[in-house]
Structure formats: C-alpha cells, structure tokens
C-alpha cells in the first residue's frame, strides 16, 4: 500500500510547502534501518571484493544515477582510503542512443551490464515506480551474472523491489517526494562512509 499527496487542491503556498516537507520527513524517518545498515555494509565491501558500483535510472532518476557516481568518486573517496569505483550507466548518451536505435530501448542498461559487469559487482538502481521495463531487464541480467542489486523505489516498490537483494521503498505516489527521499539516502550514504574513513584531524579542514 502507498499514500498519495496531495489529495485535494491546496491554495496557500506555505500550506503546500509544509505539507510537502511533513510527507517527505515522515517517509525518511520510517525507513527500515536494518536494510539501510545492510546497504552500508555491502558498499563497504566493494574495495575488498574489487567490485564496481554501477548505477542507473530513468528521467530524474538518471540524474541521481550520475549524481551518485559523481559524489562517490569525488567526495566519498576524498582524503579516505575507500577507493570506491562507480560507473553510471546513464551517462554515455551516444552509447544509449546506439543501443536504443539498433537493439531496443528496453536493453539500454542490460546490454551495458552484459558487456561491463562481473560477479560481485553492485548495481544501484533508482526508480520511483519500480516497474520500468529497461530497469527490470537490467535487474534480471544482473542477477544472472551474479551482481548484488540495491534499489531505491516509490509507490508500492513495483517488480524491481522483488528483484533486488536490498530495497528501500518510499510508499507514496508523488514523484518529487520520492526522488527527494532517494537523493537524501544517496547523500547520506556518501557522507556517512566518508565520515567513517576520515581521520579526526581532517574534520575541521574539509566541507561535507
């Protein structure tokens, strides 16, 4: 089950603003913390297992895919010994358009996974609906190869939540709120892992 927002017209801007914040904050405060810890532990193992974290999503979630890779390579690794490696499967438009034109749009991610990924790599997926055909195809191919799949979803989690090893779902039918929650989790993961691996002397010298 999932909730909806708004349920009726809200005429005052401040009322919409504070209702929006309340909905988002309630979702973030009620996530499954055990799953969050498991995600953290899996990301921690990426260096030891020589894993690459691949990311993907559609629309606004494609920007989150790129944003994840940007932050984990530049920020999380900065002044730490993590050496996290991440590749966004949404960033090569020439390749995506070639796959879409010559093969199928539904294979824009799965084709790359077949060519790039190996067992024990990690696939981090962003999807509000959890039902995008190209993401479901990517998850199925990733499972066959032996990748660990992490997904952030919305609504009822869709089919993607069931194809994932670890899933955090934000059960609301509002794309903006779900994407805000996904962004918060992405930033939290990046910053928390960096915080764990920084020396105390560096905390006053750098900005998070």
N, C-alpha and C. Protein backbone atom coordinates (compact mmCIF):
# COMPACT_ATOMS: atom_id res chain seq x y z
N UNK A 1 0.84 -1.20 0.00
CA UNK A 1 0.00 0.00 0.00
C UNK A 1 0.87 1.25 0.00
N UNK A 2 0.34 2.32 -0.59
CA UNK A 2 1.07 3.58 -0.57
C UNK A 2 0.07 4.73 -0.44
N UNK A 3 0.57 5.86 0.05
CA UNK A 3 -0.28 7.03 0.23
C UNK A 3 -0.19 7.93 -0.99
N UNK A 4 -1.02 8.98 -0.99
CA UNK A 4 -0.99 9.96 -2.08
C UNK A 4 -0.89 11.36 -1.50
N UNK A 5 -0.22 12.22 -2.24
CA UNK A 5 -0.15 13.64 -1.88
C UNK A 5 0.01 14.45 -3.16
N UNK A 6 -0.77 15.54 -3.29
CA UNK A 6 -1.88 15.98 -2.43
C UNK A 6 -3.16 15.21 -2.74
N UNK A 7 -4.09 15.22 -1.81
CA UNK A 7 -5.38 14.56 -2.01
C UNK A 7 -6.45 15.54 -2.50
N UNK A 8 -6.14 16.83 -2.39
CA UNK A 8 -7.05 17.87 -2.88
C UNK A 8 -6.24 19.12 -3.15
N UNK A 9 -6.87 20.11 -3.79
CA UNK A 9 -6.17 21.35 -4.11
C UNK A 9 -5.77 22.07 -2.82
N UNK A 10 -4.53 22.52 -2.77
CA UNK A 10 -4.03 23.32 -1.64
C UNK A 10 -3.71 24.70 -2.18
N UNK A 11 -4.44 25.69 -1.76
CA UNK A 11 -4.34 27.01 -2.38
C UNK A 11 -3.22 27.87 -1.81
N UNK A 12 -2.89 27.69 -0.54
CA UNK A 12 -1.86 28.53 0.07
C UNK A 12 -0.48 27.89 -0.11
N UNK A 13 0.46 28.69 -0.60
CA UNK A 13 1.79 28.15 -0.90
C UNK A 13 2.47 27.59 0.35
N UNK A 14 2.32 28.28 1.48
CA UNK A 14 3.00 27.81 2.70
C UNK A 14 2.40 26.49 3.18
N UNK A 15 1.09 26.31 2.98
CA UNK A 15 0.46 25.06 3.38
C UNK A 15 0.98 23.89 2.54
N UNK A 16 1.12 24.14 1.22
CA UNK A 16 1.66 23.08 0.35
C UNK A 16 3.10 22.77 0.75
N UNK A 17 3.86 23.84 1.01
CA UNK A 17 5.28 23.68 1.36
C UNK A 17 5.45 22.83 2.62
N UNK A 18 4.74 23.18 3.68
CA UNK A 18 4.92 22.47 4.94
C UNK A 18 4.32 21.06 4.89
N UNK A 19 3.23 20.89 4.14
CA UNK A 19 2.68 19.55 3.95
C UNK A 19 3.64 18.66 3.18
N UNK A 20 4.28 19.23 2.16
CA UNK A 20 5.27 18.51 1.37
C UNK A 20 6.42 18.05 2.26
N UNK A 21 6.93 18.98 3.09
CA UNK A 21 8.02 18.64 4.00
C UNK A 21 7.61 17.56 4.99
N UNK A 22 6.40 17.68 5.53
CA UNK A 22 5.92 16.70 6.50
C UNK A 22 5.85 15.30 5.89
N UNK A 23 5.34 15.23 4.66
CA UNK A 23 5.24 13.93 3.98
C UNK A 23 6.63 13.33 3.76
N UNK A 24 7.54 14.14 3.27
CA UNK A 24 8.90 13.66 2.98
C UNK A 24 9.62 13.22 4.26
N UNK A 25 9.55 14.06 5.28
CA UNK A 25 10.26 13.75 6.53
C UNK A 25 9.70 12.50 7.21
N UNK A 26 8.39 12.32 7.14
CA UNK A 26 7.78 11.13 7.73
C UNK A 26 8.28 9.86 7.05
N UNK A 27 8.40 9.91 5.73
CA UNK A 27 8.90 8.75 4.99
C UNK A 27 10.35 8.44 5.36
N UNK A 28 11.17 9.47 5.43
CA UNK A 28 12.59 9.27 5.75
C UNK A 28 12.79 8.76 7.16
N UNK A 29 11.92 9.17 8.08
CA UNK A 29 12.06 8.73 9.48
C UNK A 29 11.58 7.30 9.69
N UNK A 30 10.84 6.76 8.74
CA UNK A 30 10.24 5.44 8.93
C UNK A 30 10.82 4.37 8.02
N UNK A 31 12.02 4.61 7.50
CA UNK A 31 12.64 3.59 6.65
C UNK A 31 13.12 2.41 7.51
N UNK A 32 13.38 1.31 6.86
CA UNK A 32 13.90 0.12 7.55
C UNK A 32 15.40 0.30 7.78
N UNK A 33 15.77 0.62 9.01
CA UNK A 33 17.17 0.91 9.32
C UNK A 33 18.06 -0.33 9.19
N UNK A 34 17.48 -1.51 9.36
CA UNK A 34 18.27 -2.73 9.18
C UNK A 34 18.69 -2.89 7.73
N UNK A 35 17.78 -2.56 6.82
CA UNK A 35 18.12 -2.61 5.39
C UNK A 35 19.17 -1.55 5.07
N UNK A 36 19.02 -0.36 5.64
CA UNK A 36 20.00 0.71 5.42
C UNK A 36 21.39 0.26 5.86
N UNK A 37 21.49 -0.38 7.02
CA UNK A 37 22.78 -0.88 7.51
C UNK A 37 23.36 -1.94 6.58
N UNK A 38 22.50 -2.78 6.03
CA UNK A 38 22.97 -3.81 5.10
C UNK A 38 23.50 -3.19 3.81
N UNK A 39 22.86 -2.10 3.36
CA UNK A 39 23.35 -1.39 2.18
C UNK A 39 24.73 -0.81 2.46
N UNK A 40 24.88 -0.19 3.63
CA UNK A 40 26.17 0.38 4.01
C UNK A 40 27.25 -0.71 4.03
N UNK A 41 26.94 -1.83 4.65
CA UNK A 41 27.92 -2.92 4.75
C UNK A 41 28.29 -3.47 3.37
N UNK A 42 27.32 -3.55 2.47
CA UNK A 42 27.61 -4.03 1.12
C UNK A 42 28.52 -3.05 0.38
N UNK A 43 28.24 -1.76 0.50
CA UNK A 43 29.09 -0.75 -0.14
C UNK A 43 30.50 -0.77 0.44
N UNK A 44 30.61 -1.03 1.74
CA UNK A 44 31.92 -1.11 2.39
C UNK A 44 32.78 -2.22 1.79
N UNK A 45 32.14 -3.30 1.37
CA UNK A 45 32.90 -4.46 0.87
C UNK A 45 33.41 -4.27 -0.55
N UNK A 46 33.00 -3.19 -1.21
CA UNK A 46 33.32 -3.04 -2.63
C UNK A 46 34.83 -3.00 -2.89
N UNK A 47 35.59 -2.39 -1.97
CA UNK A 47 37.04 -2.33 -2.16
C UNK A 47 37.66 -3.72 -2.01
N UNK A 48 37.28 -4.43 -0.94
CA UNK A 48 37.84 -5.76 -0.68
C UNK A 48 37.50 -6.74 -1.80
N UNK A 49 36.28 -6.65 -2.30
CA UNK A 49 35.84 -7.56 -3.36
C UNK A 49 36.20 -7.10 -4.76
N UNK A 50 36.87 -5.94 -4.84
CA UNK A 50 37.23 -5.33 -6.13
C UNK A 50 35.98 -5.14 -7.00
N UNK A 51 34.91 -4.71 -6.32
CA UNK A 51 33.63 -4.51 -7.00
C UNK A 51 33.53 -3.10 -7.56
N UNK A 52 32.83 -2.97 -8.65
CA UNK A 52 32.46 -1.66 -9.20
C UNK A 52 30.97 -1.47 -8.93
N UNK A 53 30.60 -0.27 -8.50
CA UNK A 53 29.20 0.05 -8.26
C UNK A 53 28.65 0.70 -9.52
N UNK A 54 27.75 0.01 -10.20
CA UNK A 54 27.09 0.54 -11.39
C UNK A 54 25.74 1.13 -10.98
N UNK A 55 25.37 2.25 -11.58
CA UNK A 55 24.12 2.92 -11.23
C UNK A 55 23.27 3.14 -12.48
N UNK A 56 21.95 3.20 -12.28
CA UNK A 56 21.07 3.50 -13.41
C UNK A 56 19.70 3.96 -12.94
N UNK A 57 18.98 4.63 -13.83
CA UNK A 57 17.64 5.13 -13.58
C UNK A 57 17.14 5.85 -14.81
N UNK A 58 15.87 6.18 -14.84
CA UNK A 58 15.26 6.90 -15.97
C UNK A 58 14.81 8.29 -15.53
N UNK A 59 14.80 9.24 -16.47
CA UNK A 59 14.29 10.57 -16.17
C UNK A 59 15.08 11.24 -15.05
N UNK A 60 14.35 11.76 -14.04
CA UNK A 60 15.01 12.38 -12.90
C UNK A 60 15.93 11.41 -12.20
N UNK A 61 15.57 10.14 -12.21
CA UNK A 61 16.40 9.12 -11.56
C UNK A 61 17.71 8.88 -12.31
N UNK A 62 17.74 9.21 -13.60
CA UNK A 62 19.01 9.10 -14.34
C UNK A 62 20.00 10.15 -13.84
N UNK A 63 19.47 11.34 -13.45
CA UNK A 63 20.36 12.35 -12.87
C UNK A 63 20.91 11.88 -11.54
N UNK A 64 20.07 11.17 -10.75
CA UNK A 64 20.54 10.62 -9.48
C UNK A 64 21.62 9.57 -9.70
N UNK A 65 21.48 8.80 -10.77
CA UNK A 65 22.49 7.81 -11.13
C UNK A 65 23.84 8.49 -11.36
N UNK A 66 23.84 9.57 -12.15
CA UNK A 66 25.07 10.33 -12.39
C UNK A 66 25.57 10.99 -11.11
N UNK A 67 24.65 11.53 -10.33
CA UNK A 67 24.99 12.23 -9.09
C UNK A 67 25.66 11.28 -8.10
N UNK A 68 25.13 10.06 -7.99
CA UNK A 68 25.72 9.05 -7.11
C UNK A 68 27.19 8.81 -7.49
N UNK A 69 27.42 8.56 -8.77
CA UNK A 69 28.79 8.28 -9.23
C UNK A 69 29.70 9.47 -8.99
N UNK A 70 29.21 10.67 -9.26
CA UNK A 70 29.99 11.88 -9.01
C UNK A 70 30.40 11.99 -7.55
N UNK A 71 29.44 11.86 -6.64
CA UNK A 71 29.72 12.05 -5.22
C UNK A 71 30.60 10.95 -4.66
N UNK A 72 30.36 9.71 -5.07
CA UNK A 72 31.16 8.62 -4.50
C UNK A 72 32.60 8.64 -4.99
N UNK A 73 32.82 9.04 -6.24
CA UNK A 73 34.19 9.10 -6.74
C UNK A 73 34.92 10.33 -6.19
N UNK A 74 34.26 11.49 -6.24
CA UNK A 74 34.96 12.72 -5.85
C UNK A 74 34.91 13.00 -4.35
N UNK A 75 33.73 12.84 -3.73
CA UNK A 75 33.58 13.22 -2.33
C UNK A 75 33.93 12.10 -1.37
N UNK A 76 33.30 10.94 -1.53
CA UNK A 76 33.49 9.85 -0.57
C UNK A 76 34.95 9.39 -0.54
N UNK A 77 35.60 9.39 -1.69
CA UNK A 77 36.99 8.94 -1.76
C UNK A 77 37.99 10.00 -1.32
N UNK A 78 37.55 11.25 -1.22
CA UNK A 78 38.47 12.35 -0.92
C UNK A 78 39.01 12.27 0.50
N UNK A 79 40.32 12.14 0.61
CA UNK A 79 41.04 12.04 1.89
C UNK A 79 40.64 10.80 2.69
N UNK A 80 40.18 9.76 1.99
CA UNK A 80 39.92 8.47 2.62
C UNK A 80 40.66 7.40 1.83
N UNK A 81 40.68 6.19 2.37
CA UNK A 81 41.32 5.08 1.65
C UNK A 81 40.29 4.13 1.04
N UNK A 82 39.08 4.63 0.83
CA UNK A 82 38.00 3.78 0.35
C UNK A 82 38.22 3.30 -1.09
N UNK A 83 38.61 4.22 -1.95
CA UNK A 83 38.85 3.91 -3.37
C UNK A 83 37.63 3.24 -4.02
N UNK A 84 36.45 3.78 -3.72
CA UNK A 84 35.22 3.26 -4.32
C UNK A 84 35.21 3.55 -5.82
N UNK A 85 34.86 2.56 -6.60
CA UNK A 85 34.76 2.73 -8.05
C UNK A 85 33.30 2.67 -8.45
N UNK A 86 32.86 3.65 -9.23
CA UNK A 86 31.45 3.70 -9.64
C UNK A 86 31.33 4.15 -11.09
N UNK A 87 30.38 3.55 -11.79
CA UNK A 87 30.11 3.90 -13.19
C UNK A 87 28.60 4.08 -13.36
N UNK A 88 28.21 5.22 -13.92
CA UNK A 88 26.79 5.46 -14.20
C UNK A 88 26.46 4.96 -15.61
N UNK A 89 25.50 4.08 -15.70
CA UNK A 89 25.09 3.53 -17.00
C UNK A 89 24.19 4.49 -17.78
N UNK A 90 23.92 5.66 -17.20
CA UNK A 90 23.08 6.65 -17.88
C UNK A 90 23.89 7.76 -18.55
N UNK A 91 25.21 7.76 -18.37
CA UNK A 91 25.99 8.94 -18.72
C UNK A 91 26.49 8.99 -20.17
N UNK A 92 26.54 7.85 -20.86
CA UNK A 92 27.06 7.83 -22.23
C UNK A 92 25.90 7.89 -23.21
N UNK A 93 25.51 9.10 -23.59
CA UNK A 93 24.33 9.27 -24.44
C UNK A 93 24.52 8.64 -25.81
N UNK A 94 25.74 8.72 -26.34
CA UNK A 94 25.99 8.11 -27.66
C UNK A 94 25.74 6.61 -27.61
N UNK A 95 26.22 5.96 -26.56
CA UNK A 95 26.03 4.52 -26.42
C UNK A 95 24.55 4.18 -26.20
N UNK A 96 23.89 4.96 -25.34
CA UNK A 96 22.47 4.71 -25.06
C UNK A 96 21.63 4.85 -26.33
N UNK A 97 21.92 5.89 -27.12
CA UNK A 97 21.13 6.10 -28.35
C UNK A 97 21.41 5.00 -29.37
N UNK A 98 22.66 4.51 -29.40
CA UNK A 98 23.00 3.42 -30.33
C UNK A 98 22.27 2.13 -29.94
N UNK A 99 22.28 1.81 -28.65
CA UNK A 99 21.58 0.60 -28.19
C UNK A 99 20.08 0.73 -28.45
N UNK A 100 19.54 1.90 -28.13
CA UNK A 100 18.11 2.15 -28.31
C UNK A 100 17.70 2.04 -29.77
N UNK A 101 18.52 2.60 -30.66
CA UNK A 101 18.20 2.62 -32.09
C UNK A 101 18.41 1.26 -32.75
N UNK A 102 19.52 0.59 -32.40
CA UNK A 102 19.90 -0.63 -33.10
C UNK A 102 19.35 -1.91 -32.46
N UNK A 103 19.07 -1.86 -31.16
CA UNK A 103 18.62 -3.08 -30.47
C UNK A 103 17.23 -2.84 -29.87
N UNK A 104 17.19 -2.17 -28.72
CA UNK A 104 15.91 -1.89 -28.06
C UNK A 104 16.15 -0.94 -26.90
N UNK A 105 15.21 0.00 -26.71
CA UNK A 105 15.33 0.90 -25.56
C UNK A 105 15.29 0.12 -24.25
N UNK A 106 14.57 -0.98 -24.24
CA UNK A 106 14.48 -1.79 -23.02
C UNK A 106 15.80 -2.44 -22.63
N UNK A 107 16.79 -2.39 -23.55
CA UNK A 107 18.09 -3.01 -23.26
C UNK A 107 19.21 -1.99 -23.06
N UNK A 108 18.86 -0.71 -22.89
CA UNK A 108 19.92 0.31 -22.77
C UNK A 108 20.83 0.08 -21.57
N UNK A 109 20.31 -0.53 -20.52
CA UNK A 109 21.13 -0.83 -19.34
C UNK A 109 21.61 -2.28 -19.35
N UNK A 110 20.73 -3.20 -19.69
CA UNK A 110 21.10 -4.63 -19.65
C UNK A 110 22.23 -4.95 -20.63
N UNK A 111 22.23 -4.28 -21.79
CA UNK A 111 23.31 -4.51 -22.77
C UNK A 111 24.65 -4.10 -22.17
N UNK A 112 24.69 -2.94 -21.51
CA UNK A 112 25.93 -2.47 -20.88
C UNK A 112 26.36 -3.41 -19.76
N UNK A 113 25.39 -3.89 -18.99
CA UNK A 113 25.71 -4.81 -17.88
C UNK A 113 26.36 -6.09 -18.41
N UNK A 114 25.83 -6.61 -19.51
CA UNK A 114 26.40 -7.83 -20.12
C UNK A 114 27.86 -7.60 -20.53
N UNK A 115 28.16 -6.40 -21.04
CA UNK A 115 29.49 -6.13 -21.58
C UNK A 115 30.49 -5.68 -20.51
N UNK A 116 30.00 -5.08 -19.41
CA UNK A 116 30.90 -4.45 -18.45
C UNK A 116 31.03 -5.17 -17.12
N UNK A 117 29.97 -5.82 -16.68
CA UNK A 117 29.90 -6.25 -15.28
C UNK A 117 30.40 -7.68 -15.06
N UNK A 118 30.79 -7.93 -13.80
CA UNK A 118 31.24 -9.26 -13.38
C UNK A 118 30.57 -9.63 -12.07
N UNK A 119 30.69 -10.89 -11.70
CA UNK A 119 30.13 -11.37 -10.44
C UNK A 119 30.67 -10.54 -9.27
N UNK A 120 29.81 -10.25 -8.32
CA UNK A 120 30.11 -9.47 -7.10
C UNK A 120 30.20 -7.97 -7.33
N UNK A 121 30.03 -7.51 -8.57
CA UNK A 121 29.82 -6.07 -8.75
C UNK A 121 28.46 -5.71 -8.14
N UNK A 122 28.22 -4.42 -7.99
CA UNK A 122 26.98 -3.94 -7.36
C UNK A 122 26.21 -3.09 -8.35
N UNK A 123 24.91 -3.32 -8.43
CA UNK A 123 24.04 -2.49 -9.27
C UNK A 123 23.12 -1.70 -8.35
N UNK A 124 23.25 -0.38 -8.38
CA UNK A 124 22.45 0.51 -7.53
C UNK A 124 21.42 1.20 -8.43
N UNK A 125 20.13 0.91 -8.20
CA UNK A 125 19.08 1.33 -9.12
C UNK A 125 18.12 2.31 -8.46
N UNK A 126 17.78 3.36 -9.20
CA UNK A 126 16.82 4.37 -8.74
C UNK A 126 15.57 4.29 -9.61
N UNK A 127 14.40 4.11 -8.99
CA UNK A 127 13.16 4.05 -9.77
C UNK A 127 11.98 4.40 -8.88
N UNK A 128 11.20 5.40 -9.27
CA UNK A 128 10.03 5.78 -8.47
C UNK A 128 8.96 4.69 -8.57
N UNK A 129 8.64 4.26 -9.77
CA UNK A 129 7.56 3.27 -9.94
C UNK A 129 8.01 1.84 -9.64
N UNK A 130 9.29 1.56 -9.91
CA UNK A 130 9.79 0.20 -9.75
C UNK A 130 9.34 -0.75 -10.85
N UNK A 131 8.79 -0.19 -11.92
CA UNK A 131 8.24 -1.04 -12.99
C UNK A 131 8.73 -0.68 -14.38
N UNK A 132 9.77 0.13 -14.51
CA UNK A 132 10.28 0.49 -15.84
C UNK A 132 10.86 -0.74 -16.52
N UNK A 133 10.40 -1.07 -17.74
CA UNK A 133 10.87 -2.29 -18.40
C UNK A 133 12.38 -2.38 -18.55
N UNK A 134 13.05 -1.25 -18.85
CA UNK A 134 14.50 -1.33 -19.04
C UNK A 134 15.24 -1.60 -17.73
N UNK A 135 14.67 -1.16 -16.61
CA UNK A 135 15.29 -1.43 -15.31
C UNK A 135 15.04 -2.88 -14.88
N UNK A 136 13.85 -3.38 -15.15
CA UNK A 136 13.56 -4.78 -14.82
C UNK A 136 14.44 -5.72 -15.63
N UNK A 137 14.64 -5.39 -16.91
CA UNK A 137 15.53 -6.19 -17.76
C UNK A 137 16.96 -6.15 -17.23
N UNK A 138 17.39 -4.95 -16.80
CA UNK A 138 18.74 -4.80 -16.25
C UNK A 138 18.91 -5.65 -14.99
N UNK A 139 17.90 -5.62 -14.12
CA UNK A 139 17.98 -6.39 -12.87
C UNK A 139 18.04 -7.89 -13.14
N UNK A 140 17.26 -8.36 -14.11
CA UNK A 140 17.25 -9.80 -14.44
C UNK A 140 18.62 -10.24 -14.97
N UNK A 141 19.20 -9.43 -15.85
CA UNK A 141 20.52 -9.76 -16.40
C UNK A 141 21.58 -9.71 -15.30
N UNK A 142 21.50 -8.69 -14.44
CA UNK A 142 22.46 -8.55 -13.35
C UNK A 142 22.41 -9.75 -12.41
N UNK A 143 21.22 -10.24 -12.11
CA UNK A 143 21.09 -11.40 -11.23
C UNK A 143 21.74 -12.64 -11.85
N UNK A 144 21.58 -12.81 -13.15
CA UNK A 144 22.18 -13.97 -13.83
C UNK A 144 23.70 -13.93 -13.75
N UNK A 145 24.26 -12.72 -13.85
CA UNK A 145 25.72 -12.57 -13.81
C UNK A 145 26.25 -12.74 -12.39
N UNK A 146 25.43 -12.39 -11.40
CA UNK A 146 25.85 -12.51 -10.00
C UNK A 146 26.14 -11.19 -9.32
N UNK A 147 25.57 -10.11 -9.85
CA UNK A 147 25.70 -8.81 -9.18
C UNK A 147 24.78 -8.76 -7.97
N UNK A 148 25.15 -7.95 -6.99
CA UNK A 148 24.27 -7.63 -5.88
C UNK A 148 23.47 -6.39 -6.28
N UNK A 149 22.16 -6.44 -6.08
CA UNK A 149 21.28 -5.36 -6.54
C UNK A 149 20.70 -4.60 -5.36
N UNK A 150 20.94 -3.29 -5.36
CA UNK A 150 20.34 -2.38 -4.39
C UNK A 150 19.37 -1.49 -5.15
N UNK A 151 18.17 -1.30 -4.64
CA UNK A 151 17.23 -0.40 -5.31
C UNK A 151 16.56 0.54 -4.32
N UNK A 152 16.33 1.75 -4.79
CA UNK A 152 15.51 2.73 -4.07
C UNK A 152 14.27 2.95 -4.93
N UNK A 153 13.09 2.77 -4.35
CA UNK A 153 11.85 2.84 -5.12
C UNK A 153 10.80 3.69 -4.41
N UNK A 154 9.63 3.84 -5.08
CA UNK A 154 8.49 4.54 -4.51
C UNK A 154 7.22 3.75 -4.77
N UNK A 155 6.06 4.40 -4.59
CA UNK A 155 4.77 3.72 -4.75
C UNK A 155 4.78 2.42 -3.92
N UNK A 156 4.47 1.27 -4.53
CA UNK A 156 4.48 0.01 -3.78
C UNK A 156 5.77 -0.78 -3.99
N UNK A 157 6.78 -0.13 -4.59
CA UNK A 157 8.06 -0.79 -4.84
C UNK A 157 8.14 -1.47 -6.18
N UNK A 158 6.98 -1.82 -6.76
CA UNK A 158 6.95 -2.44 -8.07
C UNK A 158 7.68 -3.77 -8.12
N UNK A 159 7.88 -4.26 -9.33
CA UNK A 159 8.57 -5.54 -9.53
C UNK A 159 10.05 -5.44 -9.19
N UNK A 160 10.62 -4.23 -9.31
CA UNK A 160 12.05 -4.07 -9.05
C UNK A 160 12.40 -4.41 -7.60
N UNK A 161 11.53 -4.04 -6.68
CA UNK A 161 11.81 -4.31 -5.26
C UNK A 161 11.98 -5.81 -5.02
N UNK A 162 11.25 -6.62 -5.76
CA UNK A 162 11.31 -8.08 -5.58
C UNK A 162 12.53 -8.69 -6.29
N UNK A 163 13.08 -7.99 -7.27
CA UNK A 163 14.27 -8.48 -7.97
C UNK A 163 15.56 -8.04 -7.28
N UNK A 164 15.44 -7.23 -6.25
CA UNK A 164 16.60 -6.64 -5.58
C UNK A 164 17.02 -7.45 -4.36
N UNK A 165 18.32 -7.46 -4.09
CA UNK A 165 18.81 -8.06 -2.85
C UNK A 165 18.47 -7.17 -1.66
N UNK A 166 18.58 -5.86 -1.88
CA UNK A 166 18.26 -4.89 -0.83
C UNK A 166 17.43 -3.77 -1.44
N UNK A 167 16.32 -3.45 -0.80
CA UNK A 167 15.42 -2.41 -1.32
C UNK A 167 14.96 -1.49 -0.21
N UNK A 168 15.02 -0.20 -0.47
CA UNK A 168 14.39 0.80 0.40
C UNK A 168 13.26 1.43 -0.40
N UNK A 169 12.04 1.28 0.09
CA UNK A 169 10.89 1.81 -0.62
C UNK A 169 10.27 2.96 0.14
N UNK A 170 9.84 3.98 -0.60
CA UNK A 170 9.16 5.15 -0.02
C UNK A 170 7.74 5.15 -0.57
N UNK A 171 6.78 4.63 0.22
CA UNK A 171 5.43 4.33 -0.28
C UNK A 171 4.51 5.53 -0.40
N UNK A 172 4.77 6.34 -1.41
CA UNK A 172 3.89 7.49 -1.69
C UNK A 172 3.84 7.70 -3.20
N UNK A 173 2.68 8.10 -3.70
CA UNK A 173 2.51 8.35 -5.13
C UNK A 173 2.77 9.83 -5.43
N UNK A 174 4.02 10.22 -5.27
CA UNK A 174 4.43 11.59 -5.57
C UNK A 174 5.89 11.53 -6.03
N UNK A 175 6.11 11.77 -7.32
CA UNK A 175 7.45 11.61 -7.88
C UNK A 175 8.48 12.51 -7.22
N UNK A 176 8.11 13.77 -6.97
CA UNK A 176 9.06 14.71 -6.38
C UNK A 176 9.50 14.29 -5.00
N UNK A 177 8.53 13.88 -4.17
CA UNK A 177 8.85 13.47 -2.80
C UNK A 177 9.72 12.22 -2.80
N UNK A 178 9.38 11.25 -3.64
CA UNK A 178 10.18 10.02 -3.70
C UNK A 178 11.60 10.34 -4.15
N UNK A 179 11.75 11.16 -5.19
CA UNK A 179 13.08 11.50 -5.68
C UNK A 179 13.88 12.28 -4.64
N UNK A 180 13.20 13.15 -3.87
CA UNK A 180 13.88 13.85 -2.77
C UNK A 180 14.39 12.85 -1.73
N UNK A 181 13.57 11.86 -1.41
CA UNK A 181 13.98 10.82 -0.45
C UNK A 181 15.17 10.03 -0.98
N UNK A 182 15.15 9.69 -2.26
CA UNK A 182 16.26 8.97 -2.86
C UNK A 182 17.54 9.79 -2.81
N UNK A 183 17.42 11.09 -3.08
CA UNK A 183 18.59 11.98 -3.04
C UNK A 183 19.15 12.05 -1.63
N UNK A 184 18.27 12.13 -0.64
CA UNK A 184 18.71 12.18 0.75
C UNK A 184 19.48 10.91 1.12
N UNK A 185 18.96 9.76 0.74
CA UNK A 185 19.64 8.50 1.04
C UNK A 185 20.99 8.43 0.34
N UNK A 186 21.03 8.86 -0.92
CA UNK A 186 22.28 8.86 -1.67
C UNK A 186 23.33 9.74 -1.00
N UNK A 187 22.94 10.95 -0.60
CA UNK A 187 23.87 11.85 0.09
C UNK A 187 24.29 11.28 1.44
N UNK A 188 23.33 10.71 2.16
CA UNK A 188 23.64 10.12 3.46
C UNK A 188 24.69 9.02 3.32
N UNK A 189 24.49 8.11 2.37
CA UNK A 189 25.43 7.01 2.19
C UNK A 189 26.83 7.52 1.87
N UNK A 190 26.90 8.48 0.96
CA UNK A 190 28.18 9.05 0.56
C UNK A 190 28.89 9.70 1.74
N UNK A 191 28.15 10.52 2.48
CA UNK A 191 28.75 11.26 3.59
C UNK A 191 29.09 10.35 4.78
N UNK A 192 28.20 9.41 5.08
CA UNK A 192 28.45 8.54 6.23
C UNK A 192 29.69 7.68 6.01
N UNK A 193 29.83 7.11 4.83
CA UNK A 193 31.00 6.30 4.54
C UNK A 193 32.28 7.14 4.56
N UNK A 194 32.19 8.35 4.06
CA UNK A 194 33.35 9.24 4.12
C UNK A 194 33.71 9.55 5.56
N UNK A 195 32.69 9.88 6.36
CA UNK A 195 32.88 10.19 7.77
C UNK A 195 33.56 9.04 8.51
N UNK A 196 33.19 7.81 8.21
CA UNK A 196 33.79 6.65 8.88
C UNK A 196 35.27 6.50 8.57
N UNK A 197 35.67 6.96 7.41
CA UNK A 197 37.04 6.71 6.94
C UNK A 197 37.95 7.93 6.98
N UNK A 198 37.47 9.01 7.57
CA UNK A 198 38.31 10.20 7.72
C UNK A 198 39.06 10.16 9.04
N UNK A 199 40.26 10.68 9.05
CA UNK A 199 40.99 10.85 10.31
C UNK A 199 40.41 12.06 11.03
N UNK A 200 40.42 12.01 12.35
CA UNK A 200 39.82 13.08 13.15
C UNK A 200 40.40 14.46 12.82
N UNK A 201 41.68 14.52 12.49
CA UNK A 201 42.32 15.80 12.22
C UNK A 201 41.76 16.48 10.97
N UNK A 202 41.10 15.70 10.10
CA UNK A 202 40.61 16.26 8.84
C UNK A 202 39.22 16.88 8.93
N UNK A 203 38.49 16.61 10.02
CA UNK A 203 37.10 17.05 10.07
C UNK A 203 36.94 18.57 10.04
N UNK A 204 37.87 19.28 10.64
CA UNK A 204 37.77 20.74 10.69
C UNK A 204 38.33 21.40 9.43
N UNK A 205 38.93 20.59 8.56
CA UNK A 205 39.59 21.15 7.39
C UNK A 205 38.77 21.02 6.11
N UNK A 206 37.80 20.12 6.10
CA UNK A 206 37.08 19.87 4.85
C UNK A 206 35.59 20.12 5.02
N UNK A 207 34.94 20.36 3.90
CA UNK A 207 33.49 20.55 3.89
C UNK A 207 32.81 19.29 3.38
N UNK A 208 31.73 18.93 4.01
CA UNK A 208 30.96 17.78 3.57
C UNK A 208 29.93 18.20 2.52
